[in-house]
Amino acid sequence: MKWVFAGLALVTLGWILRRLLRLDEEPRSPVGLLRLSPEREVIYQLLAPEIETHAAMVGVSLNEAFEERHQGHHENAWRLARLAAAEWSRLGEIVNILLVSMNDRLPVARDLVSLRGIASQRFKSQLMIDYVRMHELLDQLIYRSKFRFQVHLRVLRRAVETLTVELEQAFQSIEQTGFLANEELWNEIDLYFHDLDLLAKETLLTLRAFLPCLPTPILESFSAGLRLAVRNSVRSAPVRVDT
């Protein structure tokens, strides 16, 4: 009989914990992210897994390239580095298409929320610290939400393009001088990746702030343009937006 009461007590305790922890509720947006309507959440999920996956692939390839280089396996390191560069280029392409698409739809966006500025101290490469710092003063002087949003998109786009060009130039220098040299250059590449990953996350946050401002009739055309960015998707399946 004691085992029966103990079992009932455990079942009751489990039920209470599930209620307290809300384990039976539908999944919600991550804490801190702006809630979106279902049709807008679909558009966000079209891009977010794709961008996050490519960023993860770049990070893994670079980490393995660094490890192979440290072990003296230079040929393997170079192959992994070039793989990272290819993924980096693909990630930059997707982010660029997304930023251009938002900028193109900016004239019809309504009730845009003023975005917080991109803080230079969050970056690690001197290249990005200097670049973002140039725009911090401008960001403080702009009060019109739509113009502020436009500048924000422009800064993100230019930053991603700049990092991609710098990475390619760094790899060209490494190819010319060899893997044993350029320790500083390899360290710089590591910092570049940190900053690119940060810019990708900032872009997704910008998309999440932008989607509620798009009129419902515009969602389908906006989604169609973004589907082109992930036509050779590594994660996402084609998504149709029901409006």
Protein backbone atom coordinates (compact mmCIF):
# COMPACT_ATOMS: atom_id res chain seq x y z
CA MET A 1 0.00 0.00 0.00
CA LYS A 2 2.87 2.37 0.74
CA TRP A 3 4.14 1.89 -2.83
CA VAL A 4 0.71 2.89 -4.18
CA PHE A 5 0.66 6.11 -2.17
CA ALA A 6 4.28 6.84 -3.16
CA GLY A 7 3.40 6.33 -6.83
CA LEU A 8 0.38 8.61 -6.58
CA ALA A 9 2.49 11.24 -4.85
CA LEU A 10 5.08 11.11 -7.64
CA VAL A 11 2.42 11.37 -10.35
CA THR A 12 0.82 14.33 -8.56
CA LEU A 13 4.18 16.02 -8.10
CA GLY A 14 5.00 15.48 -11.79
CA TRP A 15 1.66 16.99 -12.85
CA ILE A 16 2.21 20.01 -10.61
CA LEU A 17 5.73 20.54 -11.99
CA ARG A 18 4.51 20.32 -15.59
CA ARG A 19 1.90 22.99 -14.82
CA LEU A 20 4.39 25.23 -13.04
CA LEU A 21 6.97 24.89 -15.80
CA ARG A 22 4.29 25.21 -18.52
CA LEU A 23 5.57 22.13 -20.34
CA ASP A 24 2.15 21.50 -21.88
CA GLU A 25 1.97 24.88 -23.60
CA GLU A 26 2.75 25.50 -27.25
CA PRO A 27 6.34 26.60 -27.99
CA ARG A 28 6.77 30.36 -27.91
CA SER A 29 9.23 32.73 -29.45
CA PRO A 30 12.56 32.85 -27.61
CA VAL A 31 12.62 35.25 -24.68
CA GLY A 32 13.47 38.75 -25.76
CA LEU A 33 12.37 38.35 -29.38
CA LEU A 34 9.46 40.34 -30.76
CA ARG A 35 6.34 38.19 -31.15
CA LEU A 36 5.17 37.81 -34.73
CA SER A 37 1.87 36.79 -36.27
CA PRO A 38 1.89 33.25 -37.73
CA GLU A 39 2.24 34.38 -41.36
CA ARG A 40 5.14 36.66 -40.45
CA GLU A 41 6.78 34.01 -38.28
CA VAL A 42 6.77 31.72 -41.34
CA ILE A 43 8.78 34.29 -43.29
CA TYR A 44 11.24 34.71 -40.42
CA GLN A 45 11.72 30.95 -40.14
CA LEU A 46 12.38 30.80 -43.87
CA LEU A 47 15.60 32.79 -43.35
CA ALA A 48 16.67 32.29 -39.74
CA PRO A 49 17.63 28.57 -39.86
CA GLU A 50 19.41 29.10 -43.17
CA ILE A 51 21.54 31.99 -41.92
CA GLU A 52 22.28 30.27 -38.61
CA THR A 53 23.27 27.02 -40.36
CA HIS A 54 25.66 28.70 -42.78
CA ALA A 55 27.23 30.67 -39.92
CA ALA A 56 27.70 27.43 -37.97
CA MET A 57 29.27 25.73 -41.01
CA VAL A 58 31.74 28.60 -41.42
CA GLY A 59 32.66 28.38 -37.75
CA VAL A 60 33.17 24.61 -37.80
CA SER A 61 35.26 24.72 -41.00
CA LEU A 62 37.47 27.51 -39.65
CA ASN A 63 37.98 25.78 -36.31
CA GLU A 64 39.01 22.57 -38.06
CA ALA A 65 41.31 24.51 -40.38
CA PHE A 66 43.02 26.12 -37.37
CA GLU A 67 43.41 22.72 -35.72
CA GLU A 68 44.86 21.10 -38.86
CA ARG A 69 47.27 24.01 -39.26
CA HIS A 70 48.49 23.71 -35.69
CA GLN A 71 49.15 20.03 -36.27
CA GLY A 72 51.14 20.80 -39.41
CA HIS A 73 48.58 19.37 -41.84
CA HIS A 74 48.75 22.35 -44.16
CA GLU A 75 47.03 20.84 -47.18
CA ASN A 76 44.00 19.78 -45.12
CA ALA A 77 43.98 23.14 -43.39
CA TRP A 78 43.89 24.96 -46.70
CA ARG A 79 41.01 22.84 -48.00
CA LEU A 80 39.00 23.52 -44.87
CA ALA A 81 39.83 27.21 -45.04
CA ARG A 82 38.61 27.42 -48.64
CA LEU A 83 35.44 25.54 -47.64
CA ALA A 84 34.88 28.11 -44.91
CA ALA A 85 35.41 30.89 -47.45
CA ALA A 86 32.80 29.37 -49.78
CA GLU A 87 30.26 29.11 -46.95
CA TRP A 88 31.17 32.64 -45.86
CA SER A 89 30.44 33.90 -49.36
CA ARG A 90 27.09 32.08 -49.41
CA LEU A 91 26.17 33.48 -46.01
CA GLY A 92 27.07 36.99 -47.16
CA GLU A 93 24.93 36.53 -50.27
CA ILE A 94 21.86 35.50 -48.26
CA VAL A 95 22.27 38.33 -45.75
CA ASN A 96 22.77 40.81 -48.58
CA ILE A 97 19.59 39.68 -50.38
CA LEU A 98 17.66 39.99 -47.14
CA LEU A 99 18.96 43.49 -46.43
CA VAL A 100 18.27 44.65 -50.00
CA SER A 101 14.74 43.19 -49.84
CA MET A 102 13.98 45.06 -46.63
CA ASN A 103 15.36 48.28 -48.07
CA ASP A 104 13.23 47.90 -51.21
CA ARG A 105 10.05 47.46 -49.13
CA LEU A 106 10.92 50.29 -46.75
CA PRO A 107 8.71 52.90 -48.51
CA VAL A 108 5.55 50.85 -47.81
CA ALA A 109 6.47 49.90 -44.24
CA ARG A 110 4.29 51.40 -41.50
CA ASP A 111 4.97 52.33 -37.89
CA LEU A 112 8.63 51.44 -37.98
CA VAL A 113 10.21 51.09 -34.57
CA SER A 114 13.47 52.94 -34.03
CA LEU A 115 16.20 50.34 -33.79
CA ARG A 116 18.99 50.53 -31.27
CA GLY A 117 22.28 51.43 -32.87
CA ILE A 118 24.98 48.84 -33.50
CA ALA A 119 27.55 49.26 -30.72
CA SER A 120 31.20 49.26 -31.79
CA GLN A 121 32.33 47.62 -28.53
CA ARG A 122 30.52 44.43 -29.46
CA PHE A 123 32.92 43.82 -32.35
CA LYS A 124 36.40 42.33 -32.10
CA SER A 125 38.21 43.21 -35.33
CA GLN A 126 39.65 46.71 -35.52
CA LEU A 127 38.23 46.94 -39.02
CA MET A 128 34.64 46.67 -37.80
CA ILE A 129 35.23 48.67 -34.63
CA ASP A 130 36.44 51.63 -36.68
CA TYR A 131 33.68 51.25 -39.27
CA VAL A 132 30.80 51.05 -36.79
CA ARG A 133 32.26 53.83 -34.66
CA MET A 134 32.01 56.19 -37.64
CA HIS A 135 28.25 55.68 -37.71
CA GLU A 136 27.55 55.86 -33.99
CA LEU A 137 27.46 59.66 -33.97
CA LEU A 138 25.23 59.75 -37.04
CA ASP A 139 22.89 57.29 -35.36
CA GLN A 140 22.46 59.66 -32.42
CA LEU A 141 21.58 62.57 -34.70
CA ILE A 142 18.83 60.81 -36.66
CA TYR A 143 15.33 60.99 -35.22
CA ARG A 144 13.09 59.95 -38.12
CA SER A 145 12.36 56.24 -37.72
CA LYS A 146 12.28 55.36 -41.41
CA PHE A 147 15.52 57.15 -42.21
CA ARG A 148 17.16 55.63 -39.14
CA PHE A 149 16.05 52.18 -40.28
CA GLN A 150 17.44 52.83 -43.76
CA VAL A 151 20.83 53.85 -42.37
CA HIS A 152 20.81 50.75 -40.16
CA LEU A 153 20.27 48.51 -43.19
CA ARG A 154 22.99 50.32 -45.10
CA VAL A 155 25.52 49.92 -42.27
CA LEU A 156 24.79 46.19 -41.97
CA ARG A 157 25.06 45.62 -45.70
CA ARG A 158 28.30 47.54 -46.10
CA ALA A 159 29.82 45.82 -43.06
CA VAL A 160 29.07 42.33 -44.42
CA GLU A 161 30.48 43.25 -47.83
CA THR A 162 33.63 44.70 -46.26
CA LEU A 163 34.28 41.62 -44.13
CA THR A 164 33.80 39.31 -47.12
CA VAL A 165 36.32 41.27 -49.19
CA GLU A 166 38.81 41.36 -46.30
CA LEU A 167 38.52 37.60 -45.79
CA GLU A 168 39.25 36.89 -49.44
CA GLN A 169 42.28 39.17 -49.36
CA ALA A 170 43.50 37.47 -46.18
CA PHE A 171 43.25 34.05 -47.80
CA GLN A 172 45.11 35.30 -50.85
CA SER A 173 47.92 36.54 -48.61
CA ILE A 174 48.05 33.20 -46.77
CA GLU A 175 48.17 31.30 -50.05
CA GLN A 176 51.11 33.42 -51.21
CA THR A 177 53.16 33.29 -47.99
CA GLY A 178 52.27 29.85 -46.63
CA PHE A 179 50.59 28.47 -43.54
CA LEU A 180 53.49 28.72 -41.10
CA ALA A 181 53.66 32.48 -41.48
CA ASN A 182 50.94 35.06 -40.89
CA GLU A 183 49.97 34.05 -37.36
CA GLU A 184 48.56 37.53 -36.96
CA LEU A 185 46.57 37.14 -40.16
CA TRP A 186 45.02 33.88 -39.00
CA ASN A 187 44.04 35.53 -35.72
CA GLU A 188 42.48 38.36 -37.70
CA ILE A 189 40.38 35.87 -39.67
CA ASP A 190 39.07 34.47 -36.39
CA LEU A 191 38.02 37.97 -35.33
CA TYR A 192 36.42 38.58 -38.73
CA PHE A 193 34.25 35.50 -38.27
CA HIS A 194 33.11 36.64 -34.84
CA ASP A 195 32.04 39.96 -36.37
CA LEU A 196 30.31 38.35 -39.35
CA ASP A 197 28.34 36.09 -37.02
CA LEU A 198 27.35 39.15 -34.99
CA LEU A 199 26.22 40.98 -38.13
CA ALA A 200 24.15 37.97 -39.21
CA LYS A 201 22.38 37.97 -35.84
CA GLU A 202 21.81 41.74 -36.07
CA THR A 203 20.27 41.22 -39.50
CA LEU A 204 17.84 38.63 -38.15
CA LEU A 205 16.84 40.96 -35.32
CA THR A 206 16.28 43.69 -37.91
CA LEU A 207 14.08 41.37 -39.97
CA ARG A 208 12.05 40.53 -36.88
CA ALA A 209 11.50 44.23 -36.20
CA PHE A 210 10.67 44.91 -39.85
CA LEU A 211 8.08 42.18 -40.50
CA PRO A 212 5.29 43.62 -38.30
CA CYS A 213 5.57 46.89 -40.23
CA LEU A 214 4.81 45.32 -43.62
CA PRO A 215 1.20 45.53 -44.84
CA THR A 216 -0.36 42.08 -45.23
CA PRO A 217 -0.78 42.34 -49.05
CA ILE A 218 3.01 42.86 -49.36
CA LEU A 219 3.97 39.72 -47.44
CA GLU A 220 3.64 37.30 -50.35
CA SER A 221 5.85 39.29 -52.72
CA PHE A 222 8.37 39.91 -49.94
CA SER A 223 8.47 36.19 -49.14
CA ALA A 224 8.82 35.28 -52.82
CA GLY A 225 11.91 37.44 -53.12
CA LEU A 226 13.47 35.85 -50.04
CA ARG A 227 12.81 32.34 -51.31
CA LEU A 228 15.27 33.12 -54.10
CA ALA A 229 17.93 33.59 -51.44
CA VAL A 230 17.45 30.06 -50.15
CA ARG A 231 16.73 28.29 -53.43
CA ASN A 232 19.70 25.98 -52.78
CA SER A 233 18.82 25.69 -49.13
CA VAL A 234 20.81 23.63 -46.65
CA ARG A 235 17.92 23.64 -44.16
CA SER A 236 14.70 25.20 -45.31
CA ALA A 237 11.98 23.79 -47.52
CA PRO A 238 9.92 26.06 -49.79
CA VAL A 239 7.40 27.93 -47.72
CA ARG A 240 4.09 29.39 -48.83
CA VAL A 241 2.64 32.33 -46.98
CA ASP A 242 -1.09 32.26 -46.40
CA THR A 243 -2.47 35.76 -46.13
